[in-house]
């Protein structure tokens, strides 16, 4: 393999990992928001 091919493969791998990280972060934020919303709804009902 040439250096340009290795560099391109590394860049593609890094891009995929960043996208996966962003997806996990958004999913985690959505779960936290849903839990907070659910706890607020439960507290209002006596």
PDB file of N, CA and C in Angstrom:
ATOM      1  N   UNK A   1       0.837  -1.187   0.000  1.00  0.00           N
ATOM      2  CA  UNK A   1       0.000   0.000   0.000  1.00  0.00           C
ATOM      3  C   UNK A   1       0.878   1.246   0.000  1.00  0.00           C
ATOM      4  N   UNK A   2       0.365   2.257  -0.620  1.00  0.00           N
ATOM      5  CA  UNK A   2       1.098   3.516  -0.617  1.00  0.00           C
ATOM      6  C   UNK A   2       0.663   4.361   0.565  1.00  0.00           C
ATOM      7  N   UNK A   3       1.419   5.403   0.840  1.00  0.00           N
ATOM      8  CA  UNK A   3       1.084   6.281   1.957  1.00  0.00           C
ATOM      9  C   UNK A   3      -0.252   6.979   1.742  1.00  0.00           C
ATOM     10  N   UNK A   4      -0.558   7.353   0.497  1.00  0.00           N
ATOM     11  CA  UNK A   4      -1.812   8.045   0.224  1.00  0.00           C
ATOM     12  C   UNK A   4      -3.011   7.130   0.480  1.00  0.00           C
ATOM     13  N   UNK A   5      -2.868   5.838   0.128  1.00  0.00           N
ATOM     14  CA  UNK A   5      -3.957   4.894   0.367  1.00  0.00           C
ATOM     15  C   UNK A   5      -4.156   4.698   1.868  1.00  0.00           C
ATOM     16  N   UNK A   6      -3.079   4.542   2.604  1.00  0.00           N
ATOM     17  CA  UNK A   6      -3.167   4.357   4.048  1.00  0.00           C
ATOM     18  C   UNK A   6      -3.763   5.593   4.706  1.00  0.00           C
ATOM     19  N   UNK A   7      -3.341   6.751   4.272  1.00  0.00           N
ATOM     20  CA  UNK A   7      -3.878   7.989   4.820  1.00  0.00           C
ATOM     21  C   UNK A   7      -5.357   8.128   4.542  1.00  0.00           C
ATOM     22  N   UNK A   8      -5.772   7.744   3.331  1.00  0.00           N
ATOM     23  CA  UNK A   8      -7.188   7.824   2.969  1.00  0.00           C
ATOM     24  C   UNK A   8      -8.008   6.845   3.800  1.00  0.00           C
ATOM     25  N   UNK A   9      -7.498   5.642   3.992  1.00  0.00           N
ATOM     26  CA  UNK A   9      -8.203   4.650   4.799  1.00  0.00           C
ATOM     27  C   UNK A   9      -8.316   5.105   6.249  1.00  0.00           C
ATOM     28  N   UNK A  10      -7.255   5.697   6.781  1.00  0.00           N
ATOM     29  CA  UNK A  10      -7.287   6.204   8.148  1.00  0.00           C
ATOM     30  C   UNK A  10      -8.316   7.322   8.285  1.00  0.00           C
ATOM     31  N   UNK A  11      -8.368   8.177   7.281  1.00  0.00           N
ATOM     32  CA  UNK A  11      -9.322   9.287   7.315  1.00  0.00           C
ATOM     33  C   UNK A  11     -10.761   8.771   7.268  1.00  0.00           C
ATOM     34  N   UNK A  12     -11.013   7.769   6.426  1.00  0.00           N
ATOM     35  CA  UNK A  12     -12.358   7.194   6.337  1.00  0.00           C
ATOM     36  C   UNK A  12     -12.746   6.514   7.651  1.00  0.00           C
ATOM     37  N   UNK A  13     -11.801   5.808   8.250  1.00  0.00           N
ATOM     38  CA  UNK A  13     -12.062   5.139   9.527  1.00  0.00           C
ATOM     39  C   UNK A  13     -12.355   6.174  10.611  1.00  0.00           C
ATOM     40  N   UNK A  14     -11.578   7.227  10.644  1.00  0.00           N
ATOM     41  CA  UNK A  14     -11.778   8.288  11.630  1.00  0.00           C
ATOM     42  C   UNK A  14     -13.145   8.944  11.443  1.00  0.00           C
ATOM     43  N   UNK A  15     -13.534   9.170  10.188  1.00  0.00           N
ATOM     44  CA  UNK A  15     -14.835   9.773   9.902  1.00  0.00           C
ATOM     45  C   UNK A  15     -15.967   8.873  10.402  1.00  0.00           C
ATOM     46  N   UNK A  16     -15.848   7.578  10.165  1.00  0.00           N
ATOM     47  CA  UNK A  16     -16.875   6.638  10.634  1.00  0.00           C
ATOM     48  C   UNK A  16     -16.967   6.637  12.150  1.00  0.00           C
ATOM     49  N   UNK A  17     -15.817   6.685  12.834  1.00  0.00           N
ATOM     50  CA  UNK A  17     -15.820   6.688  14.287  1.00  0.00           C
ATOM     51  C   UNK A  17     -16.432   7.970  14.839  1.00  0.00           C
ATOM     52  N   UNK A  18     -16.152   9.095  14.189  1.00  0.00           N
ATOM     53  CA  UNK A  18     -16.737  10.364  14.629  1.00  0.00           C
ATOM     54  C   UNK A  18     -18.247  10.323  14.464  1.00  0.00           C
ATOM     55  N   UNK A  19     -18.713   9.822  13.328  1.00  0.00           N
ATOM     56  CA  UNK A  19     -20.158   9.724  13.102  1.00  0.00           C
ATOM     57  C   UNK A  19     -20.804   8.813  14.140  1.00  0.00           C
ATOM     58  N   UNK A  20     -20.157   7.703  14.460  1.00  0.00           N
ATOM     59  CA  UNK A  20     -20.689   6.789  15.468  1.00  0.00           C
ATOM     60  C   UNK A  20     -20.730   7.469  16.835  1.00  0.00           C
ATOM     61  N   UNK A  21     -19.692   8.219  17.149  1.00  0.00           N
ATOM     62  CA  UNK A  21     -19.653   8.939  18.418  1.00  0.00           C
ATOM     63  C   UNK A  21     -20.744   9.979  18.522  1.00  0.00           C
ATOM     64  N   UNK A  22     -20.980  10.686  17.451  1.00  0.00           N
ATOM     65  CA  UNK A  22     -22.048  11.693  17.429  1.00  0.00           C
ATOM     66  C   UNK A  22     -23.401  11.015  17.605  1.00  0.00           C
ATOM     67  N   UNK A  23     -23.603   9.899  16.940  1.00  0.00           N
ATOM     68  CA  UNK A  23     -24.869   9.178  17.052  1.00  0.00           C
ATOM     69  C   UNK A  23     -25.106   8.703  18.482  1.00  0.00           C
ATOM     70  N   UNK A  24     -24.071   8.195  19.130  1.00  0.00           N
ATOM     71  CA  UNK A  24     -24.197   7.744  20.518  1.00  0.00           C
ATOM     72  C   UNK A  24     -24.498   8.922  21.424  1.00  0.00           C
ATOM     73  N   UNK A  25     -23.840  10.047  21.183  1.00  0.00           N
ATOM     74  CA  UNK A  25     -24.081  11.236  21.993  1.00  0.00           C
ATOM     75  C   UNK A  25     -25.501  11.744  21.866  1.00  0.00           C
ATOM     76  N   UNK A  26     -26.013  11.786  20.654  1.00  0.00           N
ATOM     77  CA  UNK A  26     -27.388  12.242  20.429  1.00  0.00           C
ATOM     78  C   UNK A  26     -28.374  11.264  21.068  1.00  0.00           C
ATOM     79  N   UNK A  27     -28.119   9.984  20.923  1.00  0.00           N
ATOM     80  CA  UNK A  27     -28.992   8.983  21.530  1.00  0.00           C
ATOM     81  C   UNK A  27     -29.005   9.091  23.048  1.00  0.00           C
ATOM     82  N   UNK A  28     -27.836   9.300  23.632  1.00  0.00           N
ATOM     83  CA  UNK A  28     -27.757   9.447  25.086  1.00  0.00           C
ATOM     84  C   UNK A  28     -28.512  10.685  25.545  1.00  0.00           C
ATOM     85  N   UNK A  29     -28.366  11.780  24.829  1.00  0.00           N
ATOM     86  CA  UNK A  29     -29.073  13.011  25.177  1.00  0.00           C
ATOM     87  C   UNK A  29     -30.580  12.813  25.073  1.00  0.00           C
ATOM     88  N   UNK A  30     -31.031  12.080  24.078  1.00  0.00           N
ATOM     89  CA  UNK A  30     -32.460  11.827  23.916  1.00  0.00           C
ATOM     90  C   UNK A  30     -32.999  10.979  25.070  1.00  0.00           C
ATOM     91  N   UNK A  31     -32.230  10.001  25.490  1.00  0.00           N
ATOM     92  CA  UNK A  31     -32.653   9.154  26.614  1.00  0.00           C
ATOM     93  C   UNK A  31     -32.739   9.977  27.894  1.00  0.00           C
ATOM     94  N   UNK A  32     -31.742  10.801  28.144  1.00  0.00           N
ATOM     95  CA  UNK A  32     -31.754  11.649  29.338  1.00  0.00           C
ATOM     96  C   UNK A  32     -32.939  12.600  29.300  1.00  0.00           C
ATOM     97  N   UNK A  33     -33.193  13.207  28.158  1.00  0.00           N
ATOM     98  CA  UNK A  33     -34.324  14.127  28.035  1.00  0.00           C
ATOM     99  C   UNK A  33     -35.649  13.397  28.285  1.00  0.00           C
ATOM    100  N   UNK A  34     -35.782  12.205  27.760  1.00  0.00           N
ATOM    101  CA  UNK A  34     -37.009  11.436  27.969  1.00  0.00           C
ATOM    102  C   UNK A  34     -37.194  11.071  29.438  1.00  0.00           C
ATOM    103  N   UNK A  35     -36.124  10.707  30.107  1.00  0.00           N
ATOM    104  CA  UNK A  35     -36.218  10.362  31.526  1.00  0.00           C
ATOM    105  C   UNK A  35     -36.573  11.582  32.361  1.00  0.00           C
ATOM    106  N   UNK A  36     -35.980  12.712  32.054  1.00  0.00           N
ATOM    107  CA  UNK A  36     -36.302  13.942  32.785  1.00  0.00           C
ATOM    108  C   UNK A  36     -37.754  14.336  32.563  1.00  0.00           C
ATOM    109  N   UNK A  37     -38.213  14.238  31.335  1.00  0.00           N
ATOM    110  CA  UNK A  37     -39.603  14.571  31.021  1.00  0.00           C
ATOM    111  C   UNK A  37     -40.558  13.631  31.764  1.00  0.00           C
ATOM    112  N   UNK A  38     -40.245  12.343  31.755  1.00  0.00           N
ATOM    113  CA  UNK A  38     -41.097  11.365  32.413  1.00  0.00           C
ATOM    114  C   UNK A  38     -41.145  11.612  33.916  1.00  0.00           C
ATOM    115  N   UNK A  39     -40.029  11.990  34.518  1.00  0.00           N
ATOM    116  CA  UNK A  39     -40.028  12.221  35.964  1.00  0.00           C
ATOM    117  C   UNK A  39     -40.818  13.474  36.314  1.00  0.00           C
ATOM    118  N   UNK A  40     -40.806  14.477  35.443  1.00  0.00           N
ATOM    119  CA  UNK A  40     -41.585  15.692  35.688  1.00  0.00           C
ATOM    120  C   UNK A  40     -43.075  15.407  35.575  1.00  0.00           C
ATOM    121  N   UNK A  41     -43.463  14.591  34.618  1.00  0.00           N
ATOM    122  CA  UNK A  41     -44.878  14.254  34.418  1.00  0.00           C
ATOM    123  C   UNK A  41     -45.386  13.468  35.620  1.00  0.00           C
ATOM    124  N   UNK A  42     -44.601  12.538  36.125  1.00  0.00           N
ATOM    125  CA  UNK A  42     -45.018  11.721  37.260  1.00  0.00           C
ATOM    126  C   UNK A  42     -45.178  12.568  38.521  1.00  0.00           C
ATOM    127  N   UNK A  43     -44.315  13.573  38.736  1.00  0.00           N
ATOM    128  CA  UNK A  43     -44.375  14.408  39.930  1.00  0.00           C
ATOM    129  C   UNK A  43     -45.627  15.277  39.961  1.00  0.00           C
ATOM    130  N   UNK A  44     -46.159  15.663  38.814  1.00  0.00           N
ATOM    131  CA  UNK A  44     -47.323  16.542  38.776  1.00  0.00           C
ATOM    132  C   UNK A  44     -48.595  15.817  39.211  1.00  0.00           C
ATOM    133  N   UNK A  45     -48.672  14.512  39.018  1.00  0.00           N
ATOM    134  CA  UNK A  45     -49.861  13.744  39.378  1.00  0.00           C
ATOM    135  C   UNK A  45     -49.774  13.304  40.840  1.00  0.00           C
ATOM    136  N   UNK A  46     -50.695  13.718  41.691  1.00  0.00           N
ATOM    137  CA  UNK A  46     -50.637  13.327  43.107  1.00  0.00           C
ATOM    138  C   UNK A  46     -51.118  11.898  43.338  1.00  0.00           C
TER     139      UNK A  46
END
